[in-house]
Amino acid sequence: MLDDKFELLLRLGDNALVLSQRLCGWVGKGPALEEDMALANTALDLMGQARLWLAYAGEVEEQGRGEDQLAFLRDAHQFRNLLLVERPNGSYADTLMRQYLFDSWHLLLLGQLERSADGRIAAIAAKARKEVTYHLRRSADLVVRLGDGTQESHARMQEALDELWPYTGELFVADAVDEVMAAQGIADSVCELREPWLAQVRRTLAAATLVLPPANAWMHKGGKQGRHSEHMGYLLAEMQFLQRAYPGQQW
């Protein structure tokens, strides 16, 4: 059970950590000052969540590894994040669509975890849910505004949706870890999130005048089991450089 809980906590922490790192790539490069600041604040929220999940993961593992060691001293195959969050930033449309698709799932997931039999998980989820409620409100609003905006913004948002859609199936694929956690009352099955997620996404995309790709389309998977895209190595090379180059150094 402890190994399965450790895996669950890594998944939660790695999703937040990797997406935070991606969003940091926009700092100083946002299309407008307000957007630059909003993305930076979202990245900080996710980083704070990652610290809470990974710190707890280190305690559960009981191997002396804290949040920093788990973040900076693991290789790509040891990360358990979804493939969606490691996708490159691309254009601003790509970043916004990735954020919306993740936010809409993330909020539902945290709602599940607030009911966890593990009090620590429930408390972290409750705190994170307040932040992610804002994340989703913002990303959904921008998807609608740009999707139903100019001909150019509409085309870019549709292209981003079509490109990222095949990475959404993994959000709802349960494996042995999920089954054990559900049996223990620690985390409900992610399969249960698919229909409410689809309903919510359909409403937003309809308002954005965007065409929803087939829900049963072929999907990528494997990130939760440590099988990542080539993009993950480049992301970690940048994120982990200082710790790898100067082991154990402190500010």
Protein backbone atom coordinates (compact mmCIF):
# COMPACT_ATOMS: atom_id res chain seq x y z
CA MET A 1 0.00 0.00 0.00
CA LEU A 2 2.80 2.42 0.83
CA ASP A 3 4.41 1.85 -2.57
CA ASP A 4 1.09 2.55 -4.29
CA LYS A 5 0.53 5.67 -2.21
CA PHE A 6 4.04 6.83 -3.06
CA GLU A 7 3.24 6.35 -6.77
CA LEU A 8 0.00 8.30 -6.41
CA LEU A 9 1.76 11.18 -4.67
CA LEU A 10 4.46 11.25 -7.34
CA ARG A 11 1.81 11.50 -10.04
CA LEU A 12 0.11 14.39 -8.30
CA GLY A 13 3.37 16.19 -7.57
CA ASP A 14 4.94 15.58 -10.96
CA ASN A 15 1.91 16.88 -12.85
CA ALA A 16 2.08 20.15 -10.93
CA LEU A 17 5.87 20.40 -11.09
CA VAL A 18 6.23 19.77 -14.82
CA LEU A 19 3.38 22.08 -15.82
CA SER A 20 4.81 24.76 -13.54
CA GLN A 21 8.15 24.43 -15.30
CA ARG A 22 6.48 24.74 -18.67
CA LEU A 23 4.60 27.89 -17.67
CA CYS A 24 7.81 29.45 -16.36
CA GLY A 25 8.99 29.42 -19.97
CA TRP A 26 6.58 32.28 -20.65
CA VAL A 27 7.92 34.58 -17.93
CA GLY A 28 9.05 37.76 -19.63
CA LYS A 29 7.63 36.55 -22.95
CA GLY A 30 3.87 36.78 -22.44
CA PRO A 31 1.80 38.52 -25.14
CA ALA A 32 0.71 41.16 -22.61
CA LEU A 33 1.94 42.18 -19.16
CA GLU A 34 -1.25 40.97 -17.49
CA GLU A 35 -0.90 37.56 -19.14
CA ASP A 36 2.77 37.36 -18.24
CA MET A 37 1.92 37.92 -14.58
CA ALA A 38 -1.08 35.56 -14.64
CA LEU A 39 0.97 32.69 -16.05
CA ALA A 40 3.73 33.33 -13.52
CA ASN A 41 1.20 33.25 -10.67
CA THR A 42 -0.31 30.02 -11.98
CA ALA A 43 3.17 28.51 -12.17
CA LEU A 44 3.82 29.54 -8.56
CA ASP A 45 0.55 27.99 -7.42
CA LEU A 46 1.46 24.72 -9.13
CA MET A 47 4.96 24.80 -7.69
CA GLY A 48 3.51 25.17 -4.20
CA GLN A 49 1.22 22.22 -4.82
CA ALA A 50 4.12 20.15 -6.15
CA ARG A 51 6.12 20.85 -3.00
CA LEU A 52 3.28 19.62 -0.78
CA TRP A 53 2.71 16.43 -2.78
CA LEU A 54 6.41 15.59 -3.16
CA ALA A 55 7.23 16.36 0.48
CA TYR A 56 4.53 13.90 1.52
CA ALA A 57 5.79 11.38 -1.04
CA GLY A 58 9.25 11.56 0.54
CA GLU A 59 7.79 10.89 3.97
CA VAL A 60 5.80 7.90 2.71
CA GLU A 61 8.86 6.49 0.93
CA GLU A 62 11.00 6.69 4.10
CA GLN A 63 14.24 6.75 2.12
CA GLY A 64 15.45 10.17 3.24
CA ARG A 65 14.47 11.94 0.04
CA GLY A 66 12.71 15.27 0.35
CA GLU A 67 10.92 17.39 -2.23
CA ASP A 68 14.17 18.75 -3.71
CA GLN A 69 15.71 15.32 -4.21
CA LEU A 70 12.55 14.01 -5.83
CA ALA A 71 12.31 17.02 -8.11
CA PHE A 72 15.93 17.39 -9.16
CA LEU A 73 17.59 13.99 -8.81
CA ARG A 74 15.27 11.70 -10.74
CA ASP A 75 15.64 10.82 -14.41
CA ALA A 76 12.83 11.07 -16.96
CA HIS A 77 11.69 7.44 -16.63
CA GLN A 78 11.20 7.98 -12.89
CA PHE A 79 8.70 10.81 -13.38
CA ARG A 80 5.00 9.95 -13.30
CA ASN A 81 3.38 13.02 -14.87
CA LEU A 82 0.82 12.94 -17.65
CA LEU A 83 2.12 13.37 -21.20
CA LEU A 84 -0.19 16.37 -21.65
CA VAL A 85 1.67 18.58 -19.18
CA GLU A 86 5.08 17.95 -20.75
CA ARG A 87 3.95 19.06 -24.20
CA PRO A 88 5.98 22.07 -25.44
CA ASN A 89 4.54 25.54 -24.94
CA GLY A 90 4.23 26.18 -28.67
CA SER A 91 2.19 29.28 -29.43
CA TYR A 92 0.10 31.05 -26.82
CA ALA A 93 -2.92 29.19 -28.18
CA ASP A 94 -1.19 25.86 -27.50
CA THR A 95 -0.32 26.91 -23.94
CA LEU A 96 -3.85 28.13 -23.18
CA MET A 97 -5.52 25.03 -24.59
CA ARG A 98 -3.17 22.73 -22.70
CA GLN A 99 -3.91 24.68 -19.54
CA TYR A 100 -7.66 24.53 -20.01
CA LEU A 101 -7.76 20.80 -20.75
CA PHE A 102 -5.63 20.11 -17.68
CA ASP A 103 -7.40 22.60 -15.38
CA SER A 104 -10.83 21.19 -16.11
CA TRP A 105 -9.61 17.70 -15.17
CA HIS A 106 -7.44 18.88 -12.27
CA LEU A 107 -10.34 20.59 -10.49
CA LEU A 108 -12.48 17.46 -10.73
CA LEU A 109 -9.63 15.32 -9.46
CA LEU A 110 -9.03 17.55 -6.46
CA GLY A 111 -12.73 17.40 -5.64
CA GLN A 112 -12.37 13.62 -5.47
CA LEU A 113 -9.26 13.80 -3.34
CA GLU A 114 -10.92 16.11 -0.81
CA ARG A 115 -12.92 13.02 0.20
CA SER A 116 -9.79 10.89 0.64
CA ALA A 117 -9.51 8.59 3.65
CA ASP A 118 -5.98 9.96 4.00
CA GLY A 119 -6.37 13.23 5.92
CA ARG A 120 -3.11 14.69 4.59
CA ILE A 121 -4.14 14.12 0.98
CA ALA A 122 -7.58 15.59 1.64
CA ALA A 123 -6.06 18.71 3.22
CA ILE A 124 -3.61 19.31 0.37
CA ALA A 125 -6.39 18.80 -2.17
CA ALA A 126 -8.65 21.27 -0.38
CA LYS A 127 -5.95 23.94 -0.44
CA ALA A 128 -5.04 23.28 -4.07
CA ARG A 129 -8.68 23.28 -5.14
CA LYS A 130 -9.07 26.93 -4.18
CA GLU A 131 -6.18 27.86 -6.48
CA VAL A 132 -7.25 25.60 -9.34
CA THR A 133 -10.78 27.02 -9.26
CA TYR A 134 -9.24 30.31 -10.36
CA HIS A 135 -6.95 28.58 -12.88
CA LEU A 136 -9.95 26.99 -14.61
CA ARG A 137 -12.04 30.17 -14.54
CA ARG A 138 -9.24 32.04 -16.25
CA SER A 139 -8.25 29.44 -18.84
CA ALA A 140 -11.87 28.69 -19.80
CA ASP A 141 -12.60 32.40 -20.24
CA LEU A 142 -9.61 32.87 -22.51
CA VAL A 143 -10.43 29.78 -24.58
CA VAL A 144 -13.91 31.21 -25.21
CA ARG A 145 -12.66 34.72 -25.93
CA LEU A 146 -10.02 33.57 -28.40
CA GLY A 147 -12.03 30.73 -29.92
CA ASP A 148 -14.93 33.07 -30.58
CA GLY A 149 -12.64 35.97 -31.44
CA THR A 150 -11.01 36.82 -34.72
CA GLN A 151 -10.60 34.44 -37.63
CA GLU A 152 -6.91 34.12 -36.75
CA SER A 153 -7.44 33.45 -33.04
CA HIS A 154 -10.19 30.92 -33.80
CA ALA A 155 -7.98 29.02 -36.24
CA ARG A 156 -5.09 28.92 -33.78
CA MET A 157 -7.27 27.65 -30.93
CA GLN A 158 -8.81 24.94 -33.12
CA GLU A 159 -5.37 23.84 -34.28
CA ALA A 160 -4.16 23.70 -30.67
CA LEU A 161 -7.20 21.65 -29.63
CA ASP A 162 -6.72 19.17 -32.47
CA GLU A 163 -3.03 18.79 -31.62
CA LEU A 164 -3.51 18.28 -27.86
CA TRP A 165 -6.69 16.20 -27.88
CA PRO A 166 -4.88 12.83 -28.35
CA TYR A 167 -3.12 13.45 -25.02
CA THR A 168 -6.34 13.75 -23.00
CA GLY A 169 -7.25 10.06 -22.94
CA GLU A 170 -4.52 9.32 -20.40
CA LEU A 171 -6.34 11.51 -17.89
CA PHE A 172 -8.91 8.75 -17.44
CA VAL A 173 -6.88 5.55 -17.76
CA ALA A 174 -6.76 3.63 -14.47
CA ASP A 175 -4.01 1.13 -13.69
CA ALA A 176 -3.15 -1.14 -10.75
CA VAL A 177 -2.07 1.82 -8.60
CA ASP A 178 -5.40 3.56 -9.14
CA GLU A 179 -7.29 0.37 -8.34
CA VAL A 180 -5.46 -0.15 -5.04
CA MET A 181 -5.93 3.48 -4.02
CA ALA A 182 -9.63 3.30 -4.84
CA ALA A 183 -10.02 0.09 -2.82
CA GLN A 184 -8.37 1.79 0.17
CA GLY A 185 -10.59 4.87 -0.12
CA ILE A 186 -7.56 7.08 -0.71
CA ALA A 187 -8.39 8.17 -4.27
CA ASP A 188 -11.45 7.35 -6.37
CA SER A 189 -10.91 5.94 -9.86
CA VAL A 190 -9.98 8.53 -12.47
CA CYS A 191 -12.33 6.70 -14.85
CA GLU A 192 -15.22 8.36 -13.01
CA LEU A 193 -14.02 11.81 -14.10
CA ARG A 194 -14.36 11.22 -17.84
CA GLU A 195 -18.06 11.98 -18.32
CA PRO A 196 -18.22 15.13 -16.13
CA TRP A 197 -15.01 16.33 -17.79
CA LEU A 198 -16.39 15.76 -21.28
CA ALA A 199 -19.63 17.54 -20.39
CA GLN A 200 -17.74 20.55 -19.08
CA VAL A 201 -15.35 20.67 -22.03
CA ARG A 202 -18.22 20.39 -24.52
CA ARG A 203 -19.93 23.42 -22.97
CA THR A 204 -16.78 25.53 -23.05
CA LEU A 205 -15.81 24.57 -26.59
CA ALA A 206 -19.35 25.19 -27.84
CA ALA A 207 -19.20 28.70 -26.37
CA ALA A 208 -15.81 29.10 -28.05
CA THR A 209 -17.27 27.95 -31.41
CA LEU A 210 -14.61 25.23 -31.54
CA VAL A 211 -15.20 21.74 -32.93
CA LEU A 212 -14.72 18.96 -30.37
CA PRO A 213 -12.59 16.11 -31.75
CA PRO A 214 -14.04 12.57 -31.46
CA ALA A 215 -14.15 11.51 -27.81
CA ASN A 216 -13.16 7.96 -28.77
CA ALA A 217 -10.15 8.98 -30.89
CA TRP A 218 -6.84 7.14 -30.49
CA MET A 219 -4.93 8.44 -27.46
CA HIS A 220 -1.33 8.55 -26.27
CA LYS A 221 -0.55 7.08 -22.86
CA GLY A 222 2.35 5.93 -20.68
CA GLY A 223 3.42 9.02 -18.76
CA LYS A 224 1.96 7.69 -15.49
CA GLN A 225 4.17 4.64 -15.86
CA GLY A 226 7.32 6.63 -16.71
CA ARG A 227 7.19 6.36 -20.53
CA HIS A 228 7.68 9.91 -21.71
CA SER A 229 8.15 11.84 -24.93
CA GLU A 230 11.46 13.22 -26.13
CA HIS A 231 10.38 16.61 -24.79
CA MET A 232 10.70 15.47 -21.18
CA GLY A 233 14.47 15.08 -21.36
CA TYR A 234 14.95 18.64 -22.57
CA LEU A 235 12.63 19.98 -19.88
CA LEU A 236 14.51 18.16 -17.11
CA ALA A 237 17.90 19.19 -18.49
CA GLU A 238 16.92 22.82 -17.97
CA MET A 239 15.05 22.34 -14.70
CA GLN A 240 17.68 20.17 -13.02
CA PHE A 241 20.87 21.77 -14.34
CA LEU A 242 22.01 23.66 -11.24
CA GLN A 243 21.42 20.79 -8.84
CA ARG A 244 23.15 18.33 -11.18
CA ALA A 245 26.09 20.64 -11.85
CA TYR A 246 26.53 21.70 -8.22
CA PRO A 247 25.20 18.84 -6.06
CA GLY A 248 23.98 19.77 -2.61
CA GLN A 249 24.65 23.47 -2.95
CA GLN A 250 22.37 25.92 -1.14
CA TRP A 251 21.65 29.62 -1.68
